[in-house]
Amino acid sequence: MKLKVLKPIFADTASTLVNTASQYPETILLKKEHWVIDAKSLLGVLALALQPAQIIEVTTDDGEPESFVEEVVKTGIFEKVE
């Protein structure tokens, strides 16, 4: 599932993203270009240096990232891309 970044991912927004991901038992991966990071890793999220209008892909080890995606969209950091 693809998401569009609405706010730059710095300390506060990265922390919100990691805390949201940490609520889920499955592995959540964020992909940007050739980078693939664990969404539960603050350093990994910061390393992506996400900026508004960039597109990332979200995957989980169970193949169903919908509930996680819904939660991060509610934070206002991302929006779904069809």
N, C-alpha and C. Protein backbone atom coordinates (compact mmCIF):
# COMPACT_ATOMS: atom_id res chain seq x y z
N MET A 1 0.85 -1.16 0.00
CA MET A 1 0.00 0.00 0.00
C MET A 1 0.90 1.23 0.00
N LYS A 2 0.55 2.22 -0.80
CA LYS A 2 1.38 3.41 -0.92
C LYS A 2 0.80 4.58 -0.14
N LEU A 3 1.72 5.37 0.42
CA LEU A 3 1.36 6.57 1.17
C LEU A 3 2.14 7.76 0.66
N LYS A 4 1.50 8.92 0.69
CA LYS A 4 2.15 10.18 0.32
C LYS A 4 2.45 10.94 1.61
N VAL A 5 3.67 11.45 1.72
CA VAL A 5 4.08 12.20 2.90
C VAL A 5 3.46 13.60 2.85
N LEU A 6 2.82 14.01 3.95
CA LEU A 6 2.22 15.35 4.03
C LEU A 6 3.05 16.31 4.86
N LYS A 7 3.78 15.78 5.85
CA LYS A 7 4.61 16.60 6.74
C LYS A 7 6.02 16.04 6.73
N PRO A 8 7.04 16.89 6.82
CA PRO A 8 8.41 16.36 6.89
C PRO A 8 8.57 15.48 8.12
N ILE A 9 9.33 14.40 7.97
CA ILE A 9 9.52 13.46 9.06
C ILE A 9 10.79 13.83 9.82
N PHE A 10 10.61 14.55 10.91
CA PHE A 10 11.70 14.90 11.81
C PHE A 10 11.39 14.28 13.17
N ALA A 11 11.96 14.78 14.23
CA ALA A 11 11.87 14.15 15.55
C ALA A 11 10.44 13.84 16.00
N ASP A 12 9.57 14.84 16.03
CA ASP A 12 8.21 14.63 16.55
C ASP A 12 7.40 13.69 15.67
N THR A 13 7.41 13.94 14.37
CA THR A 13 6.61 13.11 13.47
C THR A 13 7.20 11.70 13.37
N ALA A 14 8.53 11.58 13.40
CA ALA A 14 9.16 10.26 13.37
C ALA A 14 8.79 9.47 14.62
N SER A 15 8.80 10.13 15.76
CA SER A 15 8.43 9.48 17.01
C SER A 15 6.97 9.01 16.98
N THR A 16 6.09 9.83 16.45
CA THR A 16 4.68 9.45 16.32
C THR A 16 4.54 8.22 15.43
N LEU A 17 5.25 8.20 14.30
CA LEU A 17 5.20 7.07 13.38
C LEU A 17 5.71 5.80 14.04
N VAL A 18 6.85 5.87 14.71
CA VAL A 18 7.44 4.70 15.37
C VAL A 18 6.54 4.20 16.50
N ASN A 19 5.99 5.11 17.29
CA ASN A 19 5.08 4.70 18.37
C ASN A 19 3.83 4.02 17.83
N THR A 20 3.32 4.51 16.72
CA THR A 20 2.15 3.88 16.10
C THR A 20 2.50 2.49 15.60
N ALA A 21 3.64 2.35 14.93
CA ALA A 21 4.07 1.05 14.42
C ALA A 21 4.32 0.06 15.55
N SER A 22 4.82 0.55 16.67
CA SER A 22 5.14 -0.33 17.80
C SER A 22 3.91 -0.94 18.45
N GLN A 23 2.74 -0.44 18.14
CA GLN A 23 1.50 -1.00 18.68
C GLN A 23 1.09 -2.29 17.98
N TYR A 24 1.77 -2.63 16.89
CA TYR A 24 1.41 -3.80 16.09
C TYR A 24 2.48 -4.88 16.25
N PRO A 25 2.06 -6.15 16.41
CA PRO A 25 3.04 -7.22 16.62
C PRO A 25 3.81 -7.60 15.35
N GLU A 26 3.23 -7.39 14.18
CA GLU A 26 3.88 -7.80 12.94
C GLU A 26 5.01 -6.83 12.56
N THR A 27 5.88 -7.30 11.69
CA THR A 27 6.94 -6.45 11.15
C THR A 27 6.33 -5.53 10.11
N ILE A 28 6.60 -4.24 10.23
CA ILE A 28 6.09 -3.25 9.29
C ILE A 28 7.29 -2.62 8.59
N LEU A 29 7.33 -2.73 7.27
CA LEU A 29 8.44 -2.20 6.49
C LEU A 29 7.99 -0.99 5.69
N LEU A 30 8.86 0.02 5.65
CA LEU A 30 8.65 1.20 4.82
C LEU A 30 9.69 1.18 3.72
N LYS A 31 9.24 1.37 2.47
CA LYS A 31 10.14 1.34 1.32
C LYS A 31 10.11 2.69 0.61
N LYS A 32 11.31 3.24 0.39
CA LYS A 32 11.46 4.47 -0.38
C LYS A 32 12.65 4.26 -1.31
N GLU A 33 12.38 4.27 -2.61
CA GLU A 33 13.42 4.01 -3.61
C GLU A 33 14.11 2.69 -3.27
N HIS A 34 15.41 2.69 -3.01
CA HIS A 34 16.12 1.44 -2.69
C HIS A 34 16.22 1.18 -1.19
N TRP A 35 15.69 2.07 -0.37
CA TRP A 35 15.73 1.93 1.08
C TRP A 35 14.55 1.09 1.57
N VAL A 36 14.80 0.18 2.48
CA VAL A 36 13.75 -0.59 3.15
C VAL A 36 14.09 -0.58 4.64
N ILE A 37 13.20 -0.04 5.46
CA ILE A 37 13.49 0.06 6.89
C ILE A 37 12.31 -0.47 7.71
N ASP A 38 12.61 -0.84 8.94
CA ASP A 38 11.60 -1.27 9.90
C ASP A 38 10.93 -0.02 10.47
N ALA A 39 9.62 0.06 10.39
CA ALA A 39 8.89 1.24 10.86
C ALA A 39 8.98 1.42 12.37
N LYS A 40 9.47 0.40 13.08
CA LYS A 40 9.61 0.49 14.53
C LYS A 40 10.98 1.03 14.94
N SER A 41 11.82 1.35 13.96
CA SER A 41 13.17 1.86 14.21
C SER A 41 13.21 3.37 14.01
N LEU A 42 13.42 4.11 15.09
CA LEU A 42 13.48 5.57 14.99
C LEU A 42 14.62 6.01 14.07
N LEU A 43 15.79 5.40 14.21
CA LEU A 43 16.92 5.77 13.35
C LEU A 43 16.64 5.44 11.89
N GLY A 44 15.98 4.31 11.65
CA GLY A 44 15.63 3.95 10.28
C GLY A 44 14.67 4.95 9.66
N VAL A 45 13.65 5.33 10.43
CA VAL A 45 12.67 6.30 9.93
C VAL A 45 13.35 7.64 9.65
N LEU A 46 14.21 8.09 10.55
CA LEU A 46 14.92 9.36 10.34
C LEU A 46 15.86 9.27 9.13
N ALA A 47 16.46 8.10 8.91
CA ALA A 47 17.39 7.93 7.79
C ALA A 47 16.69 8.09 6.44
N LEU A 48 15.40 7.79 6.37
CA LEU A 48 14.68 7.96 5.11
C LEU A 48 14.56 9.42 4.71
N ALA A 49 14.66 10.34 5.67
CA ALA A 49 14.58 11.78 5.41
C ALA A 49 13.36 12.11 4.55
N LEU A 50 12.19 11.66 4.98
CA LEU A 50 10.97 11.85 4.21
C LEU A 50 10.52 13.30 4.20
N GLN A 51 10.17 13.78 3.02
CA GLN A 51 9.73 15.15 2.81
C GLN A 51 8.34 15.13 2.16
N PRO A 52 7.58 16.22 2.32
CA PRO A 52 6.25 16.27 1.72
C PRO A 52 6.27 15.95 0.22
N ALA A 53 5.24 15.26 -0.22
CA ALA A 53 5.00 14.84 -1.61
C ALA A 53 5.76 13.57 -2.00
N GLN A 54 6.65 13.07 -1.16
CA GLN A 54 7.32 11.81 -1.47
C GLN A 54 6.35 10.66 -1.23
N ILE A 55 6.57 9.57 -1.97
CA ILE A 55 5.71 8.39 -1.88
C ILE A 55 6.52 7.25 -1.27
N ILE A 56 5.92 6.57 -0.29
CA ILE A 56 6.54 5.38 0.28
C ILE A 56 5.57 4.21 0.14
N GLU A 57 6.12 3.01 0.23
CA GLU A 57 5.29 1.81 0.21
C GLU A 57 5.36 1.14 1.58
N VAL A 58 4.23 0.70 2.07
CA VAL A 58 4.15 0.04 3.38
C VAL A 58 3.80 -1.43 3.16
N THR A 59 4.58 -2.31 3.77
CA THR A 59 4.27 -3.74 3.73
C THR A 59 4.41 -4.31 5.14
N THR A 60 3.72 -5.42 5.36
CA THR A 60 3.83 -6.13 6.64
C THR A 60 4.12 -7.59 6.35
N ASP A 61 4.64 -8.30 7.36
CA ASP A 61 4.95 -9.71 7.14
C ASP A 61 3.70 -10.57 6.98
N ASP A 62 2.55 -10.06 7.41
CA ASP A 62 1.31 -10.81 7.19
C ASP A 62 0.58 -10.34 5.93
N GLY A 63 1.16 -9.35 5.24
CA GLY A 63 0.61 -8.88 3.98
C GLY A 63 -0.60 -7.98 4.08
N GLU A 64 -0.98 -7.56 5.29
CA GLU A 64 -2.17 -6.73 5.45
C GLU A 64 -1.87 -5.49 6.29
N PRO A 65 -1.33 -4.43 5.67
CA PRO A 65 -0.97 -3.23 6.44
C PRO A 65 -2.12 -2.25 6.66
N GLU A 66 -3.35 -2.62 6.31
CA GLU A 66 -4.46 -1.68 6.32
C GLU A 66 -4.69 -1.00 7.66
N SER A 67 -4.68 -1.76 8.76
CA SER A 67 -4.97 -1.15 10.06
C SER A 67 -3.87 -0.16 10.45
N PHE A 68 -2.61 -0.51 10.18
CA PHE A 68 -1.51 0.42 10.46
C PHE A 68 -1.63 1.67 9.60
N VAL A 69 -1.92 1.49 8.32
CA VAL A 69 -2.06 2.62 7.40
C VAL A 69 -3.18 3.55 7.87
N GLU A 70 -4.30 2.99 8.28
CA GLU A 70 -5.41 3.82 8.77
C GLU A 70 -4.98 4.66 9.97
N GLU A 71 -4.20 4.07 10.87
CA GLU A 71 -3.75 4.80 12.06
C GLU A 71 -2.80 5.94 11.71
N VAL A 72 -1.83 5.70 10.80
CA VAL A 72 -0.89 6.78 10.48
C VAL A 72 -1.55 7.86 9.63
N VAL A 73 -2.55 7.51 8.85
CA VAL A 73 -3.29 8.53 8.09
C VAL A 73 -4.04 9.44 9.07
N LYS A 74 -4.56 8.87 10.15
CA LYS A 74 -5.26 9.68 11.17
C LYS A 74 -4.34 10.71 11.82
N THR A 75 -3.04 10.44 11.85
CA THR A 75 -2.09 11.38 12.48
C THR A 75 -1.88 12.63 11.64
N GLY A 76 -2.24 12.56 10.35
CA GLY A 76 -2.04 13.71 9.46
C GLY A 76 -0.66 13.78 8.85
N ILE A 77 0.16 12.75 9.07
CA ILE A 77 1.52 12.73 8.51
C ILE A 77 1.50 12.22 7.07
N PHE A 78 0.58 11.31 6.77
CA PHE A 78 0.49 10.69 5.45
C PHE A 78 -0.93 10.73 4.93
N GLU A 79 -1.07 10.48 3.62
CA GLU A 79 -2.37 10.21 3.03
C GLU A 79 -2.21 9.03 2.09
N LYS A 80 -3.29 8.28 1.90
CA LYS A 80 -3.26 7.12 1.01
C LYS A 80 -3.12 7.57 -0.44
N VAL A 81 -2.39 6.76 -1.20
CA VAL A 81 -2.26 6.97 -2.64
C VAL A 81 -2.88 5.75 -3.31
N GLU A 82 -3.78 5.99 -4.22
CA GLU A 82 -4.46 4.87 -4.90
C GLU A 82 -3.65 4.37 -6.06
